[in-house]
N, C-alpha and C. Protein backbone atom coordinates (compact mmCIF):
# COMPACT_ATOMS: atom_id res chain seq x y z
N UNK A 1 -13.24 -89.31 132.62
CA UNK A 1 -13.23 -88.08 131.11
C UNK A 1 -11.83 -87.79 130.21
N UNK A 2 -12.21 -87.18 129.26
CA UNK A 2 -11.38 -87.01 128.67
C UNK A 2 -10.80 -85.84 128.89
N UNK A 3 -9.40 -85.21 128.00
CA UNK A 3 -9.12 -84.07 128.29
C UNK A 3 -9.18 -83.35 126.94
N UNK A 4 -10.22 -83.68 126.13
CA UNK A 4 -10.50 -83.04 125.01
C UNK A 4 -11.33 -81.74 125.10
N UNK A 5 -11.23 -80.44 124.38
CA UNK A 5 -12.05 -79.12 124.23
C UNK A 5 -13.57 -79.85 124.24
N UNK A 6 -14.21 -79.28 125.04
CA UNK A 6 -15.61 -79.16 124.95
C UNK A 6 -16.70 -78.15 123.81
N UNK A 7 -17.69 -78.91 123.69
CA UNK A 7 -18.08 -78.40 122.23
C UNK A 7 -19.49 -77.74 122.62
N UNK A 8 -19.93 -76.92 121.90
CA UNK A 8 -21.30 -76.06 122.40
C UNK A 8 -22.23 -77.24 122.59
N UNK A 9 -23.02 -76.93 123.51
CA UNK A 9 -24.25 -77.68 124.30
C UNK A 9 -25.69 -77.47 123.53
N UNK A 10 -26.48 -78.15 123.42
CA UNK A 10 -27.99 -78.00 123.19
C UNK A 10 -29.02 -76.98 124.03
N UNK A 11 -29.75 -76.85 123.49
CA UNK A 11 -31.05 -76.18 124.07
C UNK A 11 -31.85 -77.02 125.05
N UNK A 12 -32.87 -76.40 126.24
CA UNK A 12 -33.48 -77.55 126.74
C UNK A 12 -34.15 -78.46 126.37
N UNK A 13 -34.90 -78.02 125.43
CA UNK A 13 -36.03 -78.96 124.68
C UNK A 13 -35.27 -79.88 124.40
N UNK A 14 -34.05 -80.39 123.68
CA UNK A 14 -33.75 -81.43 123.27
C UNK A 14 -32.93 -82.15 124.24
N UNK A 15 -32.69 -82.21 125.64
CA UNK A 15 -32.38 -82.51 126.19
C UNK A 15 -33.80 -83.18 126.83
N UNK A 16 -34.94 -82.92 126.94
CA UNK A 16 -36.18 -83.51 127.26
C UNK A 16 -36.83 -84.35 126.51
N UNK A 17 -35.96 -84.69 125.19
CA UNK A 17 -36.87 -85.80 124.36
C UNK A 17 -36.47 -86.98 124.94
N UNK A 18 -37.65 -88.13 124.25
CA UNK A 18 -37.24 -89.33 125.03
C UNK A 18 -35.64 -90.00 124.77
N UNK A 19 -35.47 -89.95 123.32
CA UNK A 19 -34.00 -90.43 123.76
C UNK A 19 -32.70 -89.58 124.52
N UNK A 20 -33.01 -88.46 124.23
CA UNK A 20 -32.19 -87.83 125.26
C UNK A 20 -32.23 -88.33 126.85
N UNK A 21 -33.84 -88.49 127.82
CA UNK A 21 -33.73 -88.73 128.65
C UNK A 21 -33.17 -90.17 128.83
N UNK A 22 -33.65 -91.13 128.06
CA UNK A 22 -32.84 -92.49 128.18
C UNK A 22 -31.56 -92.63 128.33
N UNK A 23 -31.19 -91.95 127.10
CA UNK A 23 -29.32 -91.80 127.01
C UNK A 23 -28.97 -91.15 128.50
N UNK A 24 -29.67 -90.20 129.47
CA UNK A 24 -29.15 -89.83 130.59
C UNK A 24 -29.04 -91.37 131.50
N UNK A 25 -30.28 -91.56 131.35
CA UNK A 25 -30.97 -93.11 132.19
C UNK A 25 -29.88 -94.07 132.13
N UNK A 26 -29.69 -94.53 131.13
CA UNK A 26 -28.29 -95.15 130.59
C UNK A 26 -27.13 -94.73 131.09
N UNK A 27 -26.35 -93.51 130.86
CA UNK A 27 -25.24 -93.34 131.40
C UNK A 27 -25.11 -93.23 132.89
N UNK A 28 -26.26 -92.82 133.36
CA UNK A 28 -26.16 -92.79 135.01
C UNK A 28 -26.27 -94.44 135.69
N UNK A 29 -26.74 -95.25 134.84
CA UNK A 29 -27.27 -96.73 135.19
C UNK A 29 -25.20 -96.91 134.96
N UNK A 30 -24.46 -96.99 134.29
CA UNK A 30 -23.11 -97.67 133.94
C UNK A 30 -22.04 -96.79 135.08
N UNK A 31 -22.94 -95.59 135.87
CA UNK A 31 -21.89 -94.91 136.94
C UNK A 31 -21.88 -95.73 138.01
N UNK A 32 -21.09 -96.87 138.29
CA UNK A 32 -21.58 -97.45 139.55
C UNK A 32 -20.33 -97.00 140.73
N UNK A 33 -19.84 -96.15 140.48
CA UNK A 33 -18.80 -95.31 141.83
C UNK A 33 -19.33 -93.87 141.91
N UNK A 34 -20.40 -93.30 141.40
CA UNK A 34 -21.32 -92.26 141.35
C UNK A 34 -20.31 -90.98 141.17
N UNK A 35 -19.48 -91.55 139.79
CA UNK A 35 -18.65 -90.21 139.67
C UNK A 35 -19.35 -89.25 138.66
N UNK A 36 -20.28 -89.24 138.15
CA UNK A 36 -21.35 -88.65 137.10
C UNK A 36 -22.20 -87.97 138.15
N UNK A 37 -22.14 -88.53 139.54
CA UNK A 37 -23.66 -87.64 140.28
C UNK A 37 -23.49 -85.99 140.49
N UNK A 38 -22.34 -85.84 140.26
CA UNK A 38 -22.28 -84.27 140.13
C UNK A 38 -22.61 -83.14 138.91
N UNK A 39 -22.69 -84.55 137.61
CA UNK A 39 -22.91 -83.91 136.57
C UNK A 39 -24.10 -83.40 136.15
N UNK A 40 -24.55 -82.07 135.44
CA UNK A 40 -26.16 -82.19 134.97
C UNK A 40 -26.10 -83.00 133.86
N UNK A 41 -27.26 -82.84 133.39
CA UNK A 41 -27.58 -83.91 132.11
C UNK A 41 -26.94 -83.50 131.25
N UNK A 42 -26.79 -82.27 130.79
CA UNK A 42 -26.00 -81.66 129.56
C UNK A 42 -24.75 -82.18 129.75
N UNK A 43 -23.70 -81.97 130.77
CA UNK A 43 -22.61 -82.53 130.80
C UNK A 43 -22.12 -83.74 130.87
N UNK A 44 -23.27 -84.37 131.32
CA UNK A 44 -23.40 -85.88 131.01
C UNK A 44 -23.05 -86.39 129.79
N UNK A 45 -23.89 -85.78 128.98
CA UNK A 45 -23.89 -86.36 127.39
C UNK A 45 -22.88 -85.34 126.89
N UNK A 46 -22.32 -84.64 127.20
CA UNK A 46 -21.27 -83.97 126.25
C UNK A 46 -19.89 -84.54 125.65
N UNK A 47 -19.49 -85.70 126.63
CA UNK A 47 -18.49 -86.38 126.03
C UNK A 47 -18.89 -87.10 124.17
N UNK A 48 -20.33 -87.30 124.05
CA UNK A 48 -20.86 -87.83 122.85
C UNK A 48 -20.82 -86.86 121.53
N UNK A 49 -20.53 -85.83 121.86
CA UNK A 49 -20.45 -84.26 120.66
C UNK A 49 -18.52 -84.46 120.83
N UNK A 50 -18.38 -84.89 119.16
CA UNK A 50 -17.19 -84.77 118.64
C UNK A 50 -17.22 -83.74 117.30
N UNK A 51 -16.81 -82.68 117.51
CA UNK A 51 -17.22 -81.64 116.33
C UNK A 51 -15.57 -81.96 115.56
N UNK A 52 -15.82 -81.82 114.21
CA UNK A 52 -14.41 -81.72 113.18
C UNK A 52 -13.23 -81.39 113.85
N UNK A 53 -13.14 -80.48 114.43
CA UNK A 53 -11.92 -79.91 115.22
C UNK A 53 -11.70 -81.09 116.31
N UNK A 54 -12.19 -81.36 117.21
CA UNK A 54 -11.78 -82.10 118.00
C UNK A 54 -11.72 -83.81 117.27
N UNK A 55 -12.52 -83.96 116.44
CA UNK A 55 -12.17 -85.50 115.94
C UNK A 55 -10.74 -85.42 115.42
N UNK A 56 -10.63 -84.59 114.39
CA UNK A 56 -8.87 -83.83 113.93
C UNK A 56 -7.95 -84.44 114.92
N UNK A 57 -8.14 -84.08 116.32
CA UNK A 57 -7.19 -84.21 117.50
C UNK A 57 -6.89 -85.46 117.88
N UNK A 58 -7.82 -86.74 117.46
CA UNK A 58 -7.71 -87.78 117.80
C UNK A 58 -7.28 -88.94 117.01
N UNK A 59 -6.08 -89.75 117.22
CA UNK A 59 -5.20 -90.33 116.18
C UNK A 59 -6.34 -91.00 115.49
N UNK A 60 -5.63 -91.64 114.24
CA UNK A 60 -6.86 -92.19 112.96
C UNK A 60 -6.63 -94.17 113.70
N UNK A 61 -5.51 -93.97 114.29
CA UNK A 61 -5.06 -95.83 114.73
C UNK A 61 -5.54 -95.56 116.07
N UNK A 62 -6.04 -96.19 116.82
CA UNK A 62 -6.09 -96.37 118.54
C UNK A 62 -7.19 -97.24 118.88
N UNK A 63 -6.73 -97.53 120.22
CA UNK A 63 -7.71 -98.44 120.88
C UNK A 63 -8.65 -97.92 121.89
N UNK A 64 -9.93 -98.37 121.88
CA UNK A 64 -10.84 -97.10 122.48
C UNK A 64 -10.34 -97.93 124.19
N UNK A 65 -10.78 -96.83 125.00
CA UNK A 65 -10.58 -97.37 126.31
C UNK A 65 -12.12 -97.70 127.15
N UNK A 66 -11.60 -98.08 128.01
CA UNK A 66 -13.28 -98.83 128.69
C UNK A 66 -14.27 -97.55 128.57
N UNK A 67 -14.27 -96.51 128.98
CA UNK A 67 -15.11 -95.30 129.04
C UNK A 67 -16.23 -94.79 128.00
N UNK A 68 -15.13 -95.09 126.48
CA UNK A 68 -15.83 -94.64 125.35
C UNK A 68 -16.64 -96.14 125.10
N UNK A 69 -16.08 -97.39 125.08
CA UNK A 69 -16.63 -98.97 124.98
C UNK A 69 -18.27 -98.69 125.86
N UNK A 70 -18.29 -98.26 126.93
CA UNK A 70 -19.47 -97.93 127.75
C UNK A 70 -20.38 -96.65 127.37
N UNK A 71 -19.86 -95.85 126.58
CA UNK A 71 -20.70 -94.77 125.95
C UNK A 71 -21.14 -95.42 124.50
N UNK A 72 -20.52 -96.19 123.70
CA UNK A 72 -21.31 -96.87 122.57
C UNK A 72 -22.41 -97.96 123.44
N UNK A 73 -22.34 -98.48 123.97
CA UNK A 73 -23.13 -99.44 125.05
C UNK A 73 -24.31 -98.57 125.02
N UNK A 74 -24.07 -97.50 126.14
CA UNK A 74 -25.09 -96.53 126.50
C UNK A 74 -26.22 -96.41 125.36
N UNK A 75 -25.46 -95.63 124.20
CA UNK A 75 -26.08 -95.30 122.97
C UNK A 75 -26.86 -96.55 122.48
N UNK A 76 -26.60 -97.70 122.24
CA UNK A 76 -27.23 -98.53 121.79
C UNK A 76 -28.41 -99.53 122.48
N UNK A 77 -27.88 -99.14 123.94
CA UNK A 77 -28.90 -99.64 124.92
C UNK A 77 -30.21 -98.56 124.93
N UNK A 78 -30.06 -97.47 124.53
CA UNK A 78 -30.89 -96.23 124.75
C UNK A 78 -31.93 -96.83 123.75
N UNK A 79 -31.41 -97.27 122.63
CA UNK A 79 -32.19 -97.46 121.55
C UNK A 79 -32.90 -98.61 121.64
N UNK A 80 -32.31 -99.79 122.07
CA UNK A 80 -32.88 -100.91 122.77
C UNK A 80 -34.23 -100.24 123.69
N UNK A 81 -33.97 -99.71 124.75
CA UNK A 81 -35.00 -99.41 125.25
C UNK A 81 -36.05 -98.96 124.79
N UNK A 82 -35.89 -97.93 123.88
CA UNK A 82 -36.74 -97.24 123.05
C UNK A 82 -37.58 -97.97 122.51
N UNK A 83 -37.41 -99.21 121.71
CA UNK A 83 -37.63 -99.91 120.89
C UNK A 83 -38.62 -100.84 121.59
N UNK A 84 -38.36 -101.35 122.92
CA UNK A 84 -38.96 -101.97 123.68
C UNK A 84 -40.14 -101.24 124.39
N UNK A 85 -40.20 -99.63 124.47
CA UNK A 85 -41.12 -99.18 124.58
C UNK A 85 -41.90 -98.64 124.08
N UNK A 86 -41.82 -98.43 122.93
CA UNK A 86 -42.79 -98.57 121.34
C UNK A 86 -42.98 -99.84 121.14
N UNK A 87 -42.80 -101.36 120.81
CA UNK A 87 -43.49 -102.02 120.38
C UNK A 87 -43.93 -102.82 121.48
N UNK A 88 -43.23 -102.83 122.63
CA UNK A 88 -43.99 -103.78 123.86
C UNK A 88 -43.48 -105.65 123.82
N UNK A 89 -42.12 -105.19 122.91
CA UNK A 89 -41.13 -106.50 122.81
C UNK A 89 -39.87 -106.19 123.69
N UNK A 90 -39.64 -107.13 124.02
CA UNK A 90 -38.11 -106.84 124.89
C UNK A 90 -37.02 -106.84 123.49
N UNK A 91 -36.43 -105.80 123.48
CA UNK A 91 -35.55 -105.62 122.63
C UNK A 91 -34.07 -106.11 123.26
N UNK A 92 -32.75 -106.52 122.43
CA UNK A 92 -31.77 -107.20 123.20
C UNK A 92 -30.76 -106.44 122.35
N UNK A 93 -29.64 -105.38 123.13
CA UNK A 93 -28.68 -105.47 122.07
C UNK A 93 -27.53 -105.79 122.48
N UNK A 94 -26.24 -106.21 121.22
CA UNK A 94 -25.21 -106.88 121.56
C UNK A 94 -24.44 -106.04 120.79
N UNK A 95 -23.15 -106.01 121.63
CA UNK A 95 -22.19 -105.12 121.22
C UNK A 95 -20.83 -106.14 121.14
N UNK A 96 -20.36 -106.38 119.99
CA UNK A 96 -18.98 -107.03 119.95
C UNK A 96 -18.19 -106.40 119.35
N UNK A 97 -17.30 -105.59 120.38
CA UNK A 97 -15.91 -105.07 119.91
C UNK A 97 -14.49 -105.80 119.84
N UNK A 98 -13.61 -105.47 119.31
CA UNK A 98 -12.19 -106.10 119.44
C UNK A 98 -11.62 -105.31 120.46
N UNK A 99 -10.19 -105.19 120.91
CA UNK A 99 -9.70 -104.47 121.47
C UNK A 99 -9.12 -103.40 120.56
N UNK A 100 -9.22 -103.69 119.41
CA UNK A 100 -8.78 -102.49 118.45
C UNK A 100 -9.58 -101.60 117.65
N UNK A 101 -10.99 -101.69 118.34
CA UNK A 101 -11.78 -100.81 118.33
C UNK A 101 -12.88 -101.03 117.00
N UNK A 102 -13.15 -102.43 116.47
CA UNK A 102 -13.64 -102.91 115.18
C UNK A 102 -14.79 -103.85 115.78
N UNK A 103 -15.75 -103.73 115.38
CA UNK A 103 -17.05 -104.77 115.79
C UNK A 103 -18.08 -104.68 114.91
N UNK A 104 -19.10 -105.23 115.97
CA UNK A 104 -20.68 -104.87 115.29
C UNK A 104 -21.49 -105.12 116.59
N UNK A 105 -22.76 -104.51 116.02
CA UNK A 105 -23.69 -104.32 116.57
C UNK A 105 -25.34 -104.46 116.13
N UNK A 106 -25.67 -105.44 116.95
CA UNK A 106 -27.18 -106.07 116.66
C UNK A 106 -28.11 -105.74 118.01
N UNK A 107 -29.08 -105.42 117.64
CA UNK A 107 -30.07 -105.45 118.19
C UNK A 107 -31.24 -106.55 117.84
N UNK A 108 -31.92 -107.40 118.85
CA UNK A 108 -32.96 -108.30 117.95
C UNK A 108 -33.82 -108.21 118.97
N UNK A 109 -35.31 -108.48 118.26
CA UNK A 109 -36.19 -108.56 119.08
C UNK A 109 -37.06 -109.94 118.62
N UNK A 110 -36.86 -110.81 119.66
CA UNK A 110 -37.40 -111.92 119.35
C UNK A 110 -36.31 -112.76 118.55
N UNK A 111 -36.81 -113.29 117.43
CA UNK A 111 -35.48 -113.99 116.24
C UNK A 111 -35.44 -112.98 115.27
N UNK A 112 -35.92 -111.71 115.20
CA UNK A 112 -35.46 -110.65 114.22
C UNK A 112 -34.15 -109.73 114.60
N UNK A 113 -33.87 -109.61 113.65
CA UNK A 113 -32.56 -108.86 114.08
C UNK A 113 -33.03 -107.34 113.26
N UNK A 114 -33.34 -105.93 114.05
CA UNK A 114 -33.96 -105.25 114.05
C UNK A 114 -32.75 -104.01 113.30
N UNK A 115 -31.62 -104.19 114.00
CA UNK A 115 -30.61 -103.13 113.90
C UNK A 115 -29.16 -104.32 113.67
N UNK A 116 -28.57 -104.04 112.57
CA UNK A 116 -27.09 -104.55 112.50
C UNK A 116 -26.30 -103.34 111.71
N UNK A 117 -25.46 -103.24 112.79
CA UNK A 117 -24.31 -101.95 112.28
C UNK A 117 -23.25 -102.57 112.37
N UNK A 118 -22.21 -102.11 111.56
CA UNK A 118 -20.40 -102.50 111.97
C UNK A 118 -19.93 -101.32 112.18
N UNK A 119 -19.38 -101.25 113.39
CA UNK A 119 -18.36 -100.78 114.31
C UNK A 119 -16.99 -100.54 113.77
N UNK A 120 -16.48 -99.54 113.06
CA UNK A 120 -14.91 -98.92 113.04
C UNK A 120 -14.57 -97.89 113.57
N UNK A 121 -13.25 -97.57 114.18
CA UNK A 121 -12.70 -96.68 115.05
C UNK A 121 -13.44 -96.13 116.21
N UNK A 122 -13.88 -97.16 117.12
CA UNK A 122 -14.77 -96.79 117.84
C UNK A 122 -14.12 -95.92 118.90
N UNK A 123 -12.73 -95.89 118.85
CA UNK A 123 -11.89 -94.81 120.06
C UNK A 123 -12.42 -92.96 119.40
N UNK A 124 -12.86 -93.20 118.27
CA UNK A 124 -13.27 -91.56 118.12
C UNK A 124 -14.94 -91.61 117.69
N UNK A 125 -15.46 -92.49 118.48
CA UNK A 125 -16.81 -92.62 119.03
C UNK A 125 -17.45 -91.28 118.95
N UNK A 126 -18.56 -90.97 118.19
CA UNK A 126 -18.92 -89.29 118.66
C UNK A 126 -20.03 -88.87 117.50
N UNK A 127 -20.43 -87.56 117.93
CA UNK A 127 -21.08 -87.13 116.88
C UNK A 127 -21.00 -85.30 116.74
N UNK A 128 -21.53 -84.94 115.29
CA UNK A 128 -21.13 -83.42 115.88
C UNK A 128 -21.93 -82.57 116.63
N UNK A 129 -22.99 -83.08 117.34
CA UNK A 129 -23.77 -82.38 118.22
C UNK A 129 -24.72 -83.35 118.76
N UNK A 130 -25.32 -82.71 119.52
CA UNK A 130 -25.98 -83.78 120.62
C UNK A 130 -27.66 -84.12 119.40
N UNK A 131 -28.01 -83.12 118.63
CA UNK A 131 -28.82 -83.03 117.88
C UNK A 131 -28.58 -84.06 116.58
N UNK A 132 -27.85 -84.30 116.22
CA UNK A 132 -27.09 -85.20 115.46
C UNK A 132 -27.66 -86.54 115.91
N UNK A 133 -26.65 -86.52 117.38
CA UNK A 133 -27.11 -88.12 117.76
C UNK A 133 -28.33 -88.57 117.77
N UNK A 134 -29.13 -87.67 118.07
CA UNK A 134 -30.69 -88.03 118.34
C UNK A 134 -31.10 -88.33 116.93
N UNK A 135 -30.97 -87.77 116.30
CA UNK A 135 -31.31 -87.97 114.52
C UNK A 135 -31.03 -89.52 113.96
N UNK A 136 -29.39 -89.56 114.68
CA UNK A 136 -29.43 -90.83 114.01
C UNK A 136 -29.94 -91.82 114.74
N UNK A 137 -30.21 -91.65 115.96
CA UNK A 137 -30.90 -92.47 117.34
C UNK A 137 -32.46 -92.72 116.57
N UNK A 138 -33.40 -91.55 116.29
CA UNK A 138 -34.46 -91.68 115.60
C UNK A 138 -34.60 -92.48 114.45
N UNK A 139 -33.43 -92.43 113.35
CA UNK A 139 -33.36 -92.92 112.52
C UNK A 139 -33.07 -94.75 112.65
N UNK A 140 -32.45 -94.95 113.45
CA UNK A 140 -32.27 -96.14 114.17
C UNK A 140 -33.60 -96.84 114.49
N UNK A 141 -33.99 -96.16 115.11
CA UNK A 141 -35.42 -96.74 115.99
C UNK A 141 -36.54 -97.06 115.05
N UNK A 142 -37.11 -95.54 113.84
CA UNK A 142 -37.94 -95.63 113.22
C UNK A 142 -38.04 -97.10 112.01
N UNK A 143 -36.75 -97.19 111.69
CA UNK A 143 -36.39 -98.35 111.05
C UNK A 143 -36.71 -99.83 111.40
N UNK A 144 -36.05 -99.77 112.93
CA UNK A 144 -36.36 -100.92 113.82
C UNK A 144 -37.81 -101.39 113.79
N UNK A 145 -38.73 -100.12 113.83
CA UNK A 145 -40.10 -100.19 114.27
C UNK A 145 -40.97 -100.47 113.44
N UNK A 146 -40.41 -100.39 112.03
CA UNK A 146 -40.99 -100.99 110.41
C UNK A 146 -40.46 -101.88 110.24
N UNK A 147 -39.46 -102.63 110.91
CA UNK A 147 -39.64 -104.21 110.74
C UNK A 147 -39.95 -104.85 111.54
N UNK A 148 -39.94 -104.47 112.72
CA UNK A 148 -40.92 -105.23 113.46
C UNK A 148 -42.81 -105.40 112.86
N UNK A 149 -42.80 -104.07 112.55
CA UNK A 149 -44.32 -104.01 111.93
C UNK A 149 -44.85 -105.02 110.74
N UNK A 150 -43.54 -104.88 110.00
CA UNK A 150 -43.42 -105.76 108.68
C UNK A 150 -43.16 -107.29 109.13
N UNK A 151 -42.47 -107.80 110.30
CA UNK A 151 -42.26 -109.23 110.42
C UNK A 151 -42.77 -109.50 111.85
N UNK A 152 -43.55 -109.22 112.13
CA UNK A 152 -44.52 -108.97 113.75
C UNK A 152 -44.16 -110.61 114.32
N UNK A 153 -44.56 -111.82 113.73
CA UNK A 153 -44.74 -112.87 113.86
C UNK A 153 -43.22 -113.39 113.97
N UNK A 154 -42.07 -113.09 113.52
CA UNK A 154 -40.67 -113.34 113.76
C UNK A 154 -40.03 -112.42 115.19
N UNK A 155 -40.99 -111.30 115.02
CA UNK A 155 -40.54 -110.84 116.08
C UNK A 155 -40.91 -111.05 117.48
N UNK A 156 -42.37 -111.48 117.66
CA UNK A 156 -42.68 -112.27 118.98
C UNK A 156 -42.62 -113.48 119.30
N UNK A 157 -41.70 -113.99 118.90
CA UNK A 157 -41.02 -115.67 119.01
C UNK A 157 -39.83 -115.52 120.00
């Protein structure tokens, strides 16, 4: 955990959405040593929230630490897992980052690229609220499902 101030947390209904349940599952999966075992689901997702004030406190240039990189991977792994659940085809996330926090995320289904995002300033990865994080993930998910529907032959290869 970092020493950044905490942001307000969401209502219980948001934490019960499919995406948030998958995010909790992904975060608990990367906890090899049980450091997050005592945390509630809301506390576990709290580091994903970076308000404008919190973001101002983070330098513009910086290298991401391993914890932030794992959070980025958990976010895109959750999206890939929901794509799989929605369409029944295996979705594979690929996160490639330089040590400076620049890179790219691809999620493929078969031979089809269903998500392609450029990452910048990963050391500042976060969302204004968990609600905004869910909205962003839902947007990626809907675009991916639409692409799979339009190009089902390629997605099935």
